[in-house]
Amino acid sequence: MKHIAAYMMLKMAGKAGTADEVTAVITAAGGEADADAVAKLVADMEGKNIDEVLAGGMDLIKDIKVGGGGGGGGGGGGDAAAEVVEEEKVEEEEIDMSGGMDMFGGEEGTGDY
């Protein structure tokens, strides 16, 4: 994925997307590029319009339905997606900081400092 992401960033920036450029982006981000994967990606994308490739990919995934499924472990990822959404909805417990101890040693005007 990192190779594709680097390639896409380069193309969005108007660059050629050469193997050296892809490797440089990944290295700059602190990663390590796989030279074989980079070479294959660049070769596969040679002569192709990135917008057309993305549009073709959207056509391939347009009919995928998220959710549904059911038991048996073959739910199509819907259960995992629901769990992620539930985790995001969990609210942090609020802490009441209004009472209790005074940071400065007591009530105002006692003079016991």
PDB file of N, CA and C in Angstrom:
ATOM      1  N   MET A   1       0.809  -1.196   0.000  1.00  0.00           N
ATOM      2  CA  MET A   1       0.000   0.000   0.000  1.00  0.00           C
ATOM      3  C   MET A   1       0.853   1.260   0.000  1.00  0.00           C
ATOM      4  N   LYS A   2       1.975   1.223   0.727  1.00  0.00           N
ATOM      5  CA  LYS A   2       2.791   2.430   0.808  1.00  0.00           C
ATOM      6  C   LYS A   2       3.353   2.806  -0.561  1.00  0.00           C
ATOM      7  N   HIS A   3       3.623   1.817  -1.396  1.00  0.00           N
ATOM      8  CA  HIS A   3       4.143   2.097  -2.726  1.00  0.00           C
ATOM      9  C   HIS A   3       3.086   2.802  -3.578  1.00  0.00           C
ATOM     10  N   ILE A   4       1.864   2.305  -3.492  1.00  0.00           N
ATOM     11  CA  ILE A   4       0.762   2.905  -4.251  1.00  0.00           C
ATOM     12  C   ILE A   4       0.474   4.308  -3.732  1.00  0.00           C
ATOM     13  N   ALA A   5       0.473   4.475  -2.405  1.00  0.00           N
ATOM     14  CA  ALA A   5       0.210   5.792  -1.827  1.00  0.00           C
ATOM     15  C   ALA A   5       1.273   6.804  -2.273  1.00  0.00           C
ATOM     16  N   ALA A   6       2.522   6.390  -2.253  1.00  0.00           N
ATOM     17  CA  ALA A   6       3.599   7.287  -2.686  1.00  0.00           C
ATOM     18  C   ALA A   6       3.435   7.637  -4.157  1.00  0.00           C
ATOM     19  N   TYR A   7       3.111   6.649  -4.967  1.00  0.00           N
ATOM     20  CA  TYR A   7       2.912   6.880  -6.400  1.00  0.00           C
ATOM     21  C   TYR A   7       1.769   7.867  -6.629  1.00  0.00           C
ATOM     22  N   MET A   8       0.666   7.671  -5.910  1.00  0.00           N
ATOM     23  CA  MET A   8      -0.497   8.552  -6.064  1.00  0.00           C
ATOM     24  C   MET A   8      -0.160   9.988  -5.643  1.00  0.00           C
ATOM     25  N   MET A   9       0.578  10.129  -4.562  1.00  0.00           N
ATOM     26  CA  MET A   9       0.965  11.475  -4.126  1.00  0.00           C
ATOM     27  C   MET A   9       1.819  12.170  -5.189  1.00  0.00           C
ATOM     28  N   LEU A  10       2.726  11.433  -5.773  1.00  0.00           N
ATOM     29  CA  LEU A  10       3.569  12.003  -6.826  1.00  0.00           C
ATOM     30  C   LEU A  10       2.732  12.439  -8.024  1.00  0.00           C
ATOM     31  N   LYS A  11       1.786  11.603  -8.428  1.00  0.00           N
ATOM     32  CA  LYS A  11       0.946  11.932  -9.579  1.00  0.00           C
ATOM     33  C   LYS A  11       0.071  13.150  -9.281  1.00  0.00           C
ATOM     34  N   MET A  12      -0.441  13.229  -8.061  1.00  0.00           N
ATOM     35  CA  MET A  12      -1.259  14.389  -7.682  1.00  0.00           C
ATOM     36  C   MET A  12      -0.427  15.671  -7.702  1.00  0.00           C
ATOM     37  N   ALA A  13       0.866  15.541  -7.445  1.00  0.00           N
ATOM     38  CA  ALA A  13       1.769  16.694  -7.448  1.00  0.00           C
ATOM     39  C   ALA A  13       2.275  17.010  -8.855  1.00  0.00           C
ATOM     40  N   GLY A  14       1.828  16.233  -9.845  1.00  0.00           N
ATOM     41  CA  GLY A  14       2.228  16.485 -11.224  1.00  0.00           C
ATOM     42  C   GLY A  14       3.574  15.886 -11.598  1.00  0.00           C
ATOM     43  N   LYS A  15       4.081  14.992 -10.781  1.00  0.00           N
ATOM     44  CA  LYS A  15       5.370  14.348 -11.044  1.00  0.00           C
ATOM     45  C   LYS A  15       5.174  13.143 -11.960  1.00  0.00           C
ATOM     46  N   ALA A  16       6.282  12.608 -12.452  1.00  0.00           N
ATOM     47  CA  ALA A  16       6.236  11.471 -13.368  1.00  0.00           C
ATOM     48  C   ALA A  16       5.911  10.164 -12.654  1.00  0.00           C
ATOM     49  N   GLY A  17       6.326  10.041 -11.407  1.00  0.00           N
ATOM     50  CA  GLY A  17       6.086   8.794 -10.681  1.00  0.00           C
ATOM     51  C   GLY A  17       7.103   7.724 -11.018  1.00  0.00           C
ATOM     52  N   THR A  18       8.348   8.128 -11.162  1.00  0.00           N
ATOM     53  CA  THR A  18       9.402   7.163 -11.470  1.00  0.00           C
ATOM     54  C   THR A  18       9.722   6.322 -10.235  1.00  0.00           C
ATOM     55  N   ALA A  19      10.439   5.247 -10.442  1.00  0.00           N
ATOM     56  CA  ALA A  19      10.824   4.373  -9.334  1.00  0.00           C
ATOM     57  C   ALA A  19      11.661   5.129  -8.313  1.00  0.00           C
ATOM     58  N   ASP A  20      12.563   5.979  -8.786  1.00  0.00           N
ATOM     59  CA  ASP A  20      13.394   6.766  -7.869  1.00  0.00           C
ATOM     60  C   ASP A  20      12.549   7.731  -7.044  1.00  0.00           C
ATOM     61  N   GLU A  21      11.555   8.355  -7.677  1.00  0.00           N
ATOM     62  CA  GLU A  21      10.681   9.286  -6.956  1.00  0.00           C
ATOM     63  C   GLU A  21       9.853   8.564  -5.902  1.00  0.00           C
ATOM     64  N   VAL A  22       9.285   7.413  -6.259  1.00  0.00           N
ATOM     65  CA  VAL A  22       8.486   6.636  -5.311  1.00  0.00           C
ATOM     66  C   VAL A  22       9.346   6.224  -4.118  1.00  0.00           C
ATOM     67  N   THR A  23      10.535   5.731  -4.398  1.00  0.00           N
ATOM     68  CA  THR A  23      11.450   5.318  -3.335  1.00  0.00           C
ATOM     69  C   THR A  23      11.809   6.498  -2.444  1.00  0.00           C
ATOM     70  N   ALA A  24      12.042   7.659  -3.026  1.00  0.00           N
ATOM     71  CA  ALA A  24      12.397   8.853  -2.257  1.00  0.00           C
ATOM     72  C   ALA A  24      11.262   9.278  -1.322  1.00  0.00           C
ATOM     73  N   VAL A  25      10.023   9.199  -1.800  1.00  0.00           N
ATOM     74  CA  VAL A  25       8.873   9.572  -0.965  1.00  0.00           C
ATOM     75  C   VAL A  25       8.762   8.630   0.226  1.00  0.00           C
ATOM     76  N   ILE A  26       8.861   7.350  -0.016  1.00  0.00           N
ATOM     77  CA  ILE A  26       8.750   6.360   1.063  1.00  0.00           C
ATOM     78  C   ILE A  26       9.883   6.536   2.065  1.00  0.00           C
ATOM     79  N   THR A  27      11.088   6.748   1.580  1.00  0.00           N
ATOM     80  CA  THR A  27      12.249   6.947   2.454  1.00  0.00           C
ATOM     81  C   THR A  27      12.098   8.215   3.280  1.00  0.00           C
ATOM     82  N   ALA A  28      11.606   9.287   2.661  1.00  0.00           N
ATOM     83  CA  ALA A  28      11.404  10.549   3.372  1.00  0.00           C
ATOM     84  C   ALA A  28      10.373  10.411   4.488  1.00  0.00           C
ATOM     85  N   ALA A  29       9.436   9.491   4.314  1.00  0.00           N
ATOM     86  CA  ALA A  29       8.409   9.260   5.329  1.00  0.00           C
ATOM     87  C   ALA A  29       8.880   8.294   6.410  1.00  0.00           C
ATOM     88  N   GLY A  30      10.125   7.834   6.302  1.00  0.00           N
ATOM     89  CA  GLY A  30      10.676   6.933   7.315  1.00  0.00           C
ATOM     90  C   GLY A  30      10.453   5.471   7.030  1.00  0.00           C
ATOM     91  N   GLY A  31      10.007   5.151   5.834  1.00  0.00           N
ATOM     92  CA  GLY A  31       9.760   3.762   5.467  1.00  0.00           C
ATOM     93  C   GLY A  31      10.882   3.195   4.627  1.00  0.00           C
ATOM     94  N   GLU A  32      10.703   1.941   4.272  1.00  0.00           N
ATOM     95  CA  GLU A  32      11.677   1.267   3.422  1.00  0.00           C
ATOM     96  C   GLU A  32      10.941   0.725   2.200  1.00  0.00           C
ATOM     97  N   ALA A  33      11.387   1.139   1.034  1.00  0.00           N
ATOM     98  CA  ALA A  33      10.733   0.732  -0.208  1.00  0.00           C
ATOM     99  C   ALA A  33      11.279  -0.609  -0.674  1.00  0.00           C
ATOM    100  N   ASP A  34      10.389  -1.445  -1.181  1.00  0.00           N
ATOM    101  CA  ASP A  34      10.764  -2.717  -1.798  1.00  0.00           C
ATOM    102  C   ASP A  34      11.019  -2.426  -3.277  1.00  0.00           C
ATOM    103  N   ALA A  35      12.273  -2.521  -3.711  1.00  0.00           N
ATOM    104  CA  ALA A  35      12.661  -2.155  -5.071  1.00  0.00           C
ATOM    105  C   ALA A  35      11.881  -2.946  -6.120  1.00  0.00           C
ATOM    106  N   ASP A  36      11.639  -4.222  -5.855  1.00  0.00           N
ATOM    107  CA  ASP A  36      10.896  -5.044  -6.813  1.00  0.00           C
ATOM    108  C   ASP A  36       9.443  -4.582  -6.930  1.00  0.00           C
ATOM    109  N   ALA A  37       8.822  -4.274  -5.791  1.00  0.00           N
ATOM    110  CA  ALA A  37       7.431  -3.817  -5.801  1.00  0.00           C
ATOM    111  C   ALA A  37       7.308  -2.464  -6.494  1.00  0.00           C
ATOM    112  N   VAL A  38       8.262  -1.581  -6.241  1.00  0.00           N
ATOM    113  CA  VAL A  38       8.249  -0.264  -6.880  1.00  0.00           C
ATOM    114  C   VAL A  38       8.405  -0.423  -8.393  1.00  0.00           C
ATOM    115  N   ALA A  39       9.350  -1.245  -8.811  1.00  0.00           N
ATOM    116  CA  ALA A  39       9.583  -1.456 -10.250  1.00  0.00           C
ATOM    117  C   ALA A  39       8.343  -2.030 -10.928  1.00  0.00           C
ATOM    118  N   LYS A  40       7.677  -2.986 -10.274  1.00  0.00           N
ATOM    119  CA  LYS A  40       6.477  -3.590 -10.841  1.00  0.00           C
ATOM    120  C   LYS A  40       5.345  -2.569 -10.936  1.00  0.00           C
ATOM    121  N   LEU A  41       5.173  -1.778  -9.893  1.00  0.00           N
ATOM    122  CA  LEU A  41       4.124  -0.762  -9.897  1.00  0.00           C
ATOM    123  C   LEU A  41       4.337   0.238 -11.030  1.00  0.00           C
ATOM    124  N   VAL A  42       5.549   0.748 -11.127  1.00  0.00           N
ATOM    125  CA  VAL A  42       5.849   1.738 -12.165  1.00  0.00           C
ATOM    126  C   VAL A  42       5.668   1.127 -13.553  1.00  0.00           C
ATOM    127  N   ALA A  43       6.091  -0.106 -13.739  1.00  0.00           N
ATOM    128  CA  ALA A  43       5.927  -0.782 -15.035  1.00  0.00           C
ATOM    129  C   ALA A  43       4.450  -1.002 -15.352  1.00  0.00           C
ATOM    130  N   ASP A  44       3.662  -1.402 -14.344  1.00  0.00           N
ATOM    131  CA  ASP A  44       2.234  -1.639 -14.559  1.00  0.00           C
ATOM    132  C   ASP A  44       1.479  -0.349 -14.891  1.00  0.00           C
ATOM    133  N   MET A  45       1.940   0.762 -14.358  1.00  0.00           N
ATOM    134  CA  MET A  45       1.246   2.035 -14.569  1.00  0.00           C
ATOM    135  C   MET A  45       1.758   2.795 -15.790  1.00  0.00           C
ATOM    136  N   GLU A  46       2.827   2.330 -16.403  1.00  0.00           N
ATOM    137  CA  GLU A  46       3.409   3.019 -17.550  1.00  0.00           C
ATOM    138  C   GLU A  46       2.396   3.146 -18.684  1.00  0.00           C
ATOM    139  N   GLY A  47       2.228   4.371 -19.156  1.00  0.00           N
ATOM    140  CA  GLY A  47       1.332   4.642 -20.274  1.00  0.00           C
ATOM    141  C   GLY A  47      -0.141   4.721 -19.891  1.00  0.00           C
ATOM    142  N   LYS A  48      -0.452   4.613 -18.605  1.00  0.00           N
ATOM    143  CA  LYS A  48      -1.854   4.661 -18.175  1.00  0.00           C
ATOM    144  C   LYS A  48      -2.160   6.011 -17.538  1.00  0.00           C
ATOM    145  N   ASN A  49      -3.377   6.449 -17.722  1.00  0.00           N
ATOM    146  CA  ASN A  49      -3.866   7.676 -17.100  1.00  0.00           C
ATOM    147  C   ASN A  49      -4.407   7.312 -15.720  1.00  0.00           C
ATOM    148  N   ILE A  50      -3.867   7.934 -14.683  1.00  0.00           N
ATOM    149  CA  ILE A  50      -4.245   7.582 -13.316  1.00  0.00           C
ATOM    150  C   ILE A  50      -5.735   7.810 -13.055  1.00  0.00           C
ATOM    151  N   ASP A  51      -6.317   8.845 -13.649  1.00  0.00           N
ATOM    152  CA  ASP A  51      -7.750   9.109 -13.465  1.00  0.00           C
ATOM    153  C   ASP A  51      -8.595   7.983 -14.054  1.00  0.00           C
ATOM    154  N   GLU A  52      -8.179   7.454 -15.197  1.00  0.00           N
ATOM    155  CA  GLU A  52      -8.907   6.348 -15.818  1.00  0.00           C
ATOM    156  C   GLU A  52      -8.763   5.066 -15.000  1.00  0.00           C
ATOM    157  N   VAL A  53      -7.574   4.854 -14.443  1.00  0.00           N
ATOM    158  CA  VAL A  53      -7.354   3.668 -13.606  1.00  0.00           C
ATOM    159  C   VAL A  53      -8.249   3.736 -12.369  1.00  0.00           C
ATOM    160  N   LEU A  54      -8.316   4.908 -11.736  1.00  0.00           N
ATOM    161  CA  LEU A  54      -9.169   5.072 -10.553  1.00  0.00           C
ATOM    162  C   LEU A  54     -10.642   4.892 -10.908  1.00  0.00           C
ATOM    163  N   ALA A  55     -11.069   5.458 -12.020  1.00  0.00           N
ATOM    164  CA  ALA A  55     -12.466   5.313 -12.439  1.00  0.00           C
ATOM    165  C   ALA A  55     -12.802   3.846 -12.687  1.00  0.00           C
ATOM    166  N   GLY A  56     -11.881   3.121 -13.305  1.00  0.00           N
ATOM    167  CA  GLY A  56     -12.101   1.694 -13.546  1.00  0.00           C
ATOM    168  C   GLY A  56     -12.198   0.916 -12.241  1.00  0.00           C
ATOM    169  N   GLY A  57     -11.396   1.302 -11.269  1.00  0.00           N
ATOM    170  CA  GLY A  57     -11.461   0.654  -9.959  1.00  0.00           C
ATOM    171  C   GLY A  57     -12.780   0.925  -9.261  1.00  0.00           C
ATOM    172  N   MET A  58     -13.283   2.130  -9.396  1.00  0.00           N
ATOM    173  CA  MET A  58     -14.575   2.474  -8.788  1.00  0.00           C
ATOM    174  C   MET A  58     -15.695   1.647  -9.410  1.00  0.00           C
ATOM    175  N   ASP A  59     -15.611   1.412 -10.714  1.00  0.00           N
ATOM    176  CA  ASP A  59     -16.607   0.576 -11.372  1.00  0.00           C
ATOM    177  C   ASP A  59     -16.578  -0.850 -10.823  1.00  0.00           C
ATOM    178  N   LEU A  60     -15.381  -1.325 -10.486  1.00  0.00           N
ATOM    179  CA  LEU A  60     -15.258  -2.684  -9.968  1.00  0.00           C
ATOM    180  C   LEU A  60     -15.826  -2.845  -8.564  1.00  0.00           C
ATOM    181  N   ILE A  61     -15.758  -1.789  -7.756  1.00  0.00           N
ATOM    182  CA  ILE A  61     -16.200  -1.921  -6.362  1.00  0.00           C
ATOM    183  C   ILE A  61     -17.568  -1.308  -6.092  1.00  0.00           C
ATOM    184  N   LYS A  62     -18.215  -0.752  -7.100  1.00  0.00           N
ATOM    185  CA  LYS A  62     -19.481  -0.051  -6.875  1.00  0.00           C
ATOM    186  C   LYS A  62     -20.587  -0.952  -6.334  1.00  0.00           C
ATOM    187  N   ASP A  63     -20.537  -2.252  -6.617  1.00  0.00           N
ATOM    188  CA  ASP A  63     -21.602  -3.148  -6.189  1.00  0.00           C
ATOM    189  C   ASP A  63     -21.307  -3.864  -4.874  1.00  0.00           C
ATOM    190  N   ILE A  64     -20.177  -3.565  -4.262  1.00  0.00           N
ATOM    191  CA  ILE A  64     -19.842  -4.205  -2.990  1.00  0.00           C
ATOM    192  C   ILE A  64     -20.709  -3.590  -1.904  1.00  0.00           C
ATOM    193  N   LYS A  65     -21.357  -4.446  -1.151  1.00  0.00           N
ATOM    194  CA  LYS A  65     -22.218  -3.978  -0.077  1.00  0.00           C
ATOM    195  C   LYS A  65     -21.480  -4.156   1.249  1.00  0.00           C
ATOM    196  N   VAL A  66     -21.519  -3.129   2.063  1.00  0.00           N
ATOM    197  CA  VAL A  66     -20.889  -3.182   3.376  1.00  0.00           C
ATOM    198  C   VAL A  66     -21.961  -3.534   4.382  1.00  0.00           C
ATOM    199  N   GLY A  67     -21.620  -4.416   5.297  1.00  0.00           N
ATOM    200  CA  GLY A  67     -22.580  -4.797   6.322  1.00  0.00           C
ATOM    201  C   GLY A  67     -23.228  -6.114   5.982  1.00  0.00           C
ATOM    202  N   GLY A  68     -24.373  -6.335   6.600  1.00  0.00           N
ATOM    203  CA  GLY A  68     -25.068  -7.592   6.358  1.00  0.00           C
ATOM    204  C   GLY A  68     -24.290  -8.749   6.909  1.00  0.00           C
ATOM    205  N   GLY A  69     -24.343  -9.842   6.246  1.00  0.00           N
ATOM    206  CA  GLY A  69     -23.558 -10.992   6.692  1.00  0.00           C
ATOM    207  C   GLY A  69     -24.330 -11.806   7.687  1.00  0.00           C
ATOM    208  N   GLY A  70     -23.815 -11.909   8.851  1.00  0.00           N
ATOM    209  CA  GLY A  70     -24.442 -12.742   9.851  1.00  0.00           C
ATOM    210  C   GLY A  70     -23.406 -13.633  10.469  1.00  0.00           C
ATOM    211  N   GLY A  71     -23.833 -14.611  11.180  1.00  0.00           N
ATOM    212  CA  GLY A  71     -22.925 -15.490  11.911  1.00  0.00           C
ATOM    213  C   GLY A  71     -22.073 -16.334  11.004  1.00  0.00           C
ATOM    214  N   GLY A  72     -21.292 -17.193  11.612  1.00  0.00           N
ATOM    215  CA  GLY A  72     -20.497 -18.139  10.856  1.00  0.00           C
ATOM    216  C   GLY A  72     -19.180 -17.608  10.356  1.00  0.00           C
ATOM    217  N   GLY A  73     -18.843 -16.363  10.665  1.00  0.00           N
ATOM    218  CA  GLY A  73     -17.543 -15.838  10.291  1.00  0.00           C
ATOM    219  C   GLY A  73     -17.432 -15.376   8.864  1.00  0.00           C
ATOM    220  N   GLY A  74     -18.483 -15.497   8.063  1.00  0.00           N
ATOM    221  CA  GLY A  74     -18.398 -15.070   6.670  1.00  0.00           C
ATOM    222  C   GLY A  74     -19.277 -13.881   6.410  1.00  0.00           C
ATOM    223  N   GLY A  75     -19.281 -12.918   7.282  1.00  0.00           N
ATOM    224  CA  GLY A  75     -20.211 -11.807   7.214  1.00  0.00           C
ATOM    225  C   GLY A  75     -19.816 -10.694   6.284  1.00  0.00           C
ATOM    226  N   GLY A  76     -18.786 -10.842   5.515  1.00  0.00           N
ATOM    227  CA  GLY A  76     -18.440  -9.808   4.554  1.00  0.00           C
ATOM    228  C   GLY A  76     -17.830  -8.570   5.179  1.00  0.00           C
ATOM    229  N   GLY A  77     -17.395  -8.663   6.420  1.00  0.00           N
ATOM    230  CA  GLY A  77     -16.730  -7.532   7.050  1.00  0.00           C
ATOM    231  C   GLY A  77     -17.664  -6.591   7.766  1.00  0.00           C
ATOM    232  N   GLY A  78     -18.958  -6.818   7.689  1.00  0.00           N
ATOM    233  CA  GLY A  78     -19.913  -5.923   8.326  1.00  0.00           C
ATOM    234  C   GLY A  78     -19.773  -5.897   9.835  1.00  0.00           C
ATOM    235  N   ASP A  79     -19.534  -7.062  10.435  1.00  0.00           N
ATOM    236  CA  ASP A  79     -19.400  -7.115  11.888  1.00  0.00           C
ATOM    237  C   ASP A  79     -18.176  -6.346  12.351  1.00  0.00           C
ATOM    238  N   ALA A  80     -17.076  -6.468  11.647  1.00  0.00           N
ATOM    239  CA  ALA A  80     -15.848  -5.753  12.012  1.00  0.00           C
ATOM    240  C   ALA A  80     -16.058  -4.248  11.876  1.00  0.00           C
ATOM    241  N   ALA A  81     -16.752  -3.841  10.811  1.00  0.00           N
ATOM    242  CA  ALA A  81     -17.012  -2.416  10.617  1.00  0.00           C
ATOM    243  C   ALA A  81     -17.908  -1.875  11.715  1.00  0.00           C
ATOM    244  N   ALA A  82     -18.902  -2.662  12.127  1.00  0.00           N
ATOM    245  CA  ALA A  82     -19.789  -2.238  13.203  1.00  0.00           C
ATOM    246  C   ALA A  82     -19.031  -2.083  14.512  1.00  0.00           C
ATOM    247  N   GLU A  83     -18.084  -2.983  14.768  1.00  0.00           N
ATOM    248  CA  GLU A  83     -17.287  -2.883  15.983  1.00  0.00           C
ATOM    249  C   GLU A  83     -16.456  -1.614  15.991  1.00  0.00           C
ATOM    250  N   VAL A  84     -15.890  -1.238  14.853  1.00  0.00           N
ATOM    251  CA  VAL A  84     -15.090  -0.015  14.777  1.00  0.00           C
ATOM    252  C   VAL A  84     -15.960   1.193  15.062  1.00  0.00           C
ATOM    253  N   VAL A  85     -17.163   1.215  14.482  1.00  0.00           N
ATOM    254  CA  VAL A  85     -18.073   2.330  14.702  1.00  0.00           C
ATOM    255  C   VAL A  85     -18.462   2.407  16.169  1.00  0.00           C
ATOM    256  N   GLU A  86     -18.737   1.270  16.796  1.00  0.00           N
ATOM    257  CA  GLU A  86     -19.103   1.259  18.207  1.00  0.00           C
ATOM    258  C   GLU A  86     -17.970   1.778  19.070  1.00  0.00           C
ATOM    259  N   GLU A  87     -16.727   1.409  18.751  1.00  0.00           N
ATOM    260  CA  GLU A  87     -15.593   1.891  19.521  1.00  0.00           C
ATOM    261  C   GLU A  87     -15.467   3.397  19.414  1.00  0.00           C
ATOM    262  N   GLU A  88     -15.754   3.943  18.262  1.00  0.00           N
ATOM    263  CA  GLU A  88     -15.666   5.383  18.087  1.00  0.00           C
ATOM    264  C   GLU A  88     -16.753   6.106  18.858  1.00  0.00           C
ATOM    265  N   LYS A  89     -17.900   5.462  19.067  1.00  0.00           N
ATOM    266  CA  LYS A  89     -19.013   6.097  19.746  1.00  0.00           C
ATOM    267  C   LYS A  89     -18.861   6.107  21.263  1.00  0.00           C
ATOM    268  N   VAL A  90     -17.982   5.261  21.775  1.00  0.00           N
ATOM    269  CA  VAL A  90     -17.813   5.198  23.217  1.00  0.00           C
ATOM    270  C   VAL A  90     -17.312   6.547  23.706  1.00  0.00           C
ATOM    271  N   GLU A  91     -18.070   7.122  24.627  1.00  0.00           N
ATOM    272  CA  GLU A  91     -17.695   8.430  25.133  1.00  0.00           C
ATOM    273  C   GLU A  91     -16.800   8.274  26.348  1.00  0.00           C
ATOM    274  N   GLU A  92     -15.870   9.207  26.481  1.00  0.00           N
ATOM    275  CA  GLU A  92     -15.010   9.179  27.643  1.00  0.00           C
ATOM    276  C   GLU A  92     -15.816   9.605  28.863  1.00  0.00           C
ATOM    277  N   GLU A  93     -15.498   8.979  29.985  1.00  0.00           N
ATOM    278  CA  GLU A  93     -16.171   9.319  31.224  1.00  0.00           C
ATOM    279  C   GLU A  93     -15.725  10.696  31.669  1.00  0.00           C
ATOM    280  N   GLU A  94     -16.705  11.552  31.988  1.00  0.00           N
ATOM    281  CA  GLU A  94     -16.365  12.895  32.432  1.00  0.00           C
ATOM    282  C   GLU A  94     -15.971  12.866  33.899  1.00  0.00           C
ATOM    283  N   ILE A  95     -14.974  13.653  34.241  1.00  0.00           N
ATOM    284  CA  ILE A  95     -14.497  13.727  35.613  1.00  0.00           C
ATOM    285  C   ILE A  95     -14.960  15.050  36.204  1.00  0.00           C
ATOM    286  N   ASP A  96     -15.609  14.988  37.362  1.00  0.00           N
ATOM    287  CA  ASP A  96     -16.087  16.192  38.035  1.00  0.00           C
ATOM    288  C   ASP A  96     -14.946  16.785  38.847  1.00  0.00           C
ATOM    289  N   MET A  97     -14.449  17.917  38.406  1.00  0.00           N
ATOM    290  CA  MET A  97     -13.328  18.565  39.077  1.00  0.00           C
ATOM    291  C   MET A  97     -13.793  19.767  39.900  1.00  0.00           C
ATOM    292  N   SER A  98     -15.098  19.929  40.107  1.00  0.00           N
ATOM    293  CA  SER A  98     -15.597  21.142  40.731  1.00  0.00           C
ATOM    294  C   SER A  98     -15.527  21.124  42.252  1.00  0.00           C
ATOM    295  N   GLY A  99     -15.454  19.991  42.870  1.00  0.00           N
ATOM    296  CA  GLY A  99     -15.467  19.981  44.330  1.00  0.00           C
ATOM    297  C   GLY A  99     -14.212  19.368  44.880  1.00  0.00           C
ATOM    298  N   GLY A 100     -14.210  19.166  46.208  1.00  0.00           N
ATOM    299  CA  GLY A 100     -13.082  18.473  46.804  1.00  0.00           C
ATOM    300  C   GLY A 100     -12.013  19.417  47.285  1.00  0.00           C
ATOM    301  N   MET A 101     -10.829  19.194  46.872  1.00  0.00           N
ATOM    302  CA  MET A 101      -9.659  19.867  47.403  1.00  0.00           C
ATOM    303  C   MET A 101      -9.393  21.197  46.703  1.00  0.00           C
ATOM    304  N   ASP A 102      -9.028  22.195  47.483  1.00  0.00           N
ATOM    305  CA  ASP A 102      -8.620  23.481  46.936  1.00  0.00           C
ATOM    306  C   ASP A 102      -7.120  23.431  46.676  1.00  0.00           C
ATOM    307  N   MET A 103      -6.705  23.847  45.495  1.00  0.00           N
ATOM    308  CA  MET A 103      -5.290  23.776  45.133  1.00  0.00           C
ATOM    309  C   MET A 103      -4.393  24.584  46.066  1.00  0.00           C
ATOM    310  N   PHE A 104      -4.957  25.611  46.698  1.00  0.00           N
ATOM    311  CA  PHE A 104      -4.120  26.514  47.478  1.00  0.00           C
ATOM    312  C   PHE A 104      -4.297  26.324  48.979  1.00  0.00           C
ATOM    313  N   GLY A 105      -4.812  25.191  49.425  1.00  0.00           N
ATOM    314  CA  GLY A 105      -4.799  24.854  50.830  1.00  0.00           C
ATOM    315  C   GLY A 105      -6.010  25.221  51.648  1.00  0.00           C
ATOM    316  N   GLY A 106      -7.095  25.486  51.071  1.00  0.00           N
ATOM    317  CA  GLY A 106      -8.276  25.734  51.889  1.00  0.00           C
ATOM    318  C   GLY A 106      -9.142  26.831  51.320  1.00  0.00           C
ATOM    319  N   GLU A 107     -10.087  27.256  52.153  1.00  0.00           N
ATOM    320  CA  GLU A 107     -11.024  28.270  51.703  1.00  0.00           C
ATOM    321  C   GLU A 107     -10.404  29.639  51.791  1.00  0.00           C
ATOM    322  N   GLU A 108     -10.944  30.537  51.041  1.00  0.00           N
ATOM    323  CA  GLU A 108     -10.415  31.890  50.986  1.00  0.00           C
ATOM    324  C   GLU A 108     -10.611  32.621  52.322  1.00  0.00           C
ATOM    325  N   GLY A 109      -9.588  33.319  52.760  1.00  0.00           N
ATOM    326  CA  GLY A 109      -9.698  34.155  53.936  1.00  0.00           C
ATOM    327  C   GLY A 109      -9.407  33.476  55.250  1.00  0.00           C
ATOM    328  N   THR A 110      -8.907  32.250  55.267  1.00  0.00           N
ATOM    329  CA  THR A 110      -8.665  31.585  56.549  1.00  0.00           C
ATOM    330  C   THR A 110      -7.345  32.015  57.171  1.00  0.00           C
ATOM    331  N   GLY A 111      -6.378  32.450  56.392  1.00  0.00           N
ATOM    332  CA  GLY A 111      -5.132  32.969  56.904  1.00  0.00           C
ATOM    333  C   GLY A 111      -4.195  31.920  57.484  1.00  0.00           C
ATOM    334  N   ASP A 112      -4.399  30.627  57.196  1.00  0.00           N
ATOM    335  CA  ASP A 112      -3.555  29.557  57.755  1.00  0.00           C
ATOM    336  C   ASP A 112      -2.415  29.196  56.817  1.00  0.00           C
ATOM    337  N   TYR A 113      -1.833  30.102  56.131  1.00  0.00           N
ATOM    338  CA  TYR A 113      -0.799  29.791  55.163  1.00  0.00           C
ATOM    339  C   TYR A 113       0.508  29.794  55.828  1.00  0.00           C
TER     340      TYR A 113
END
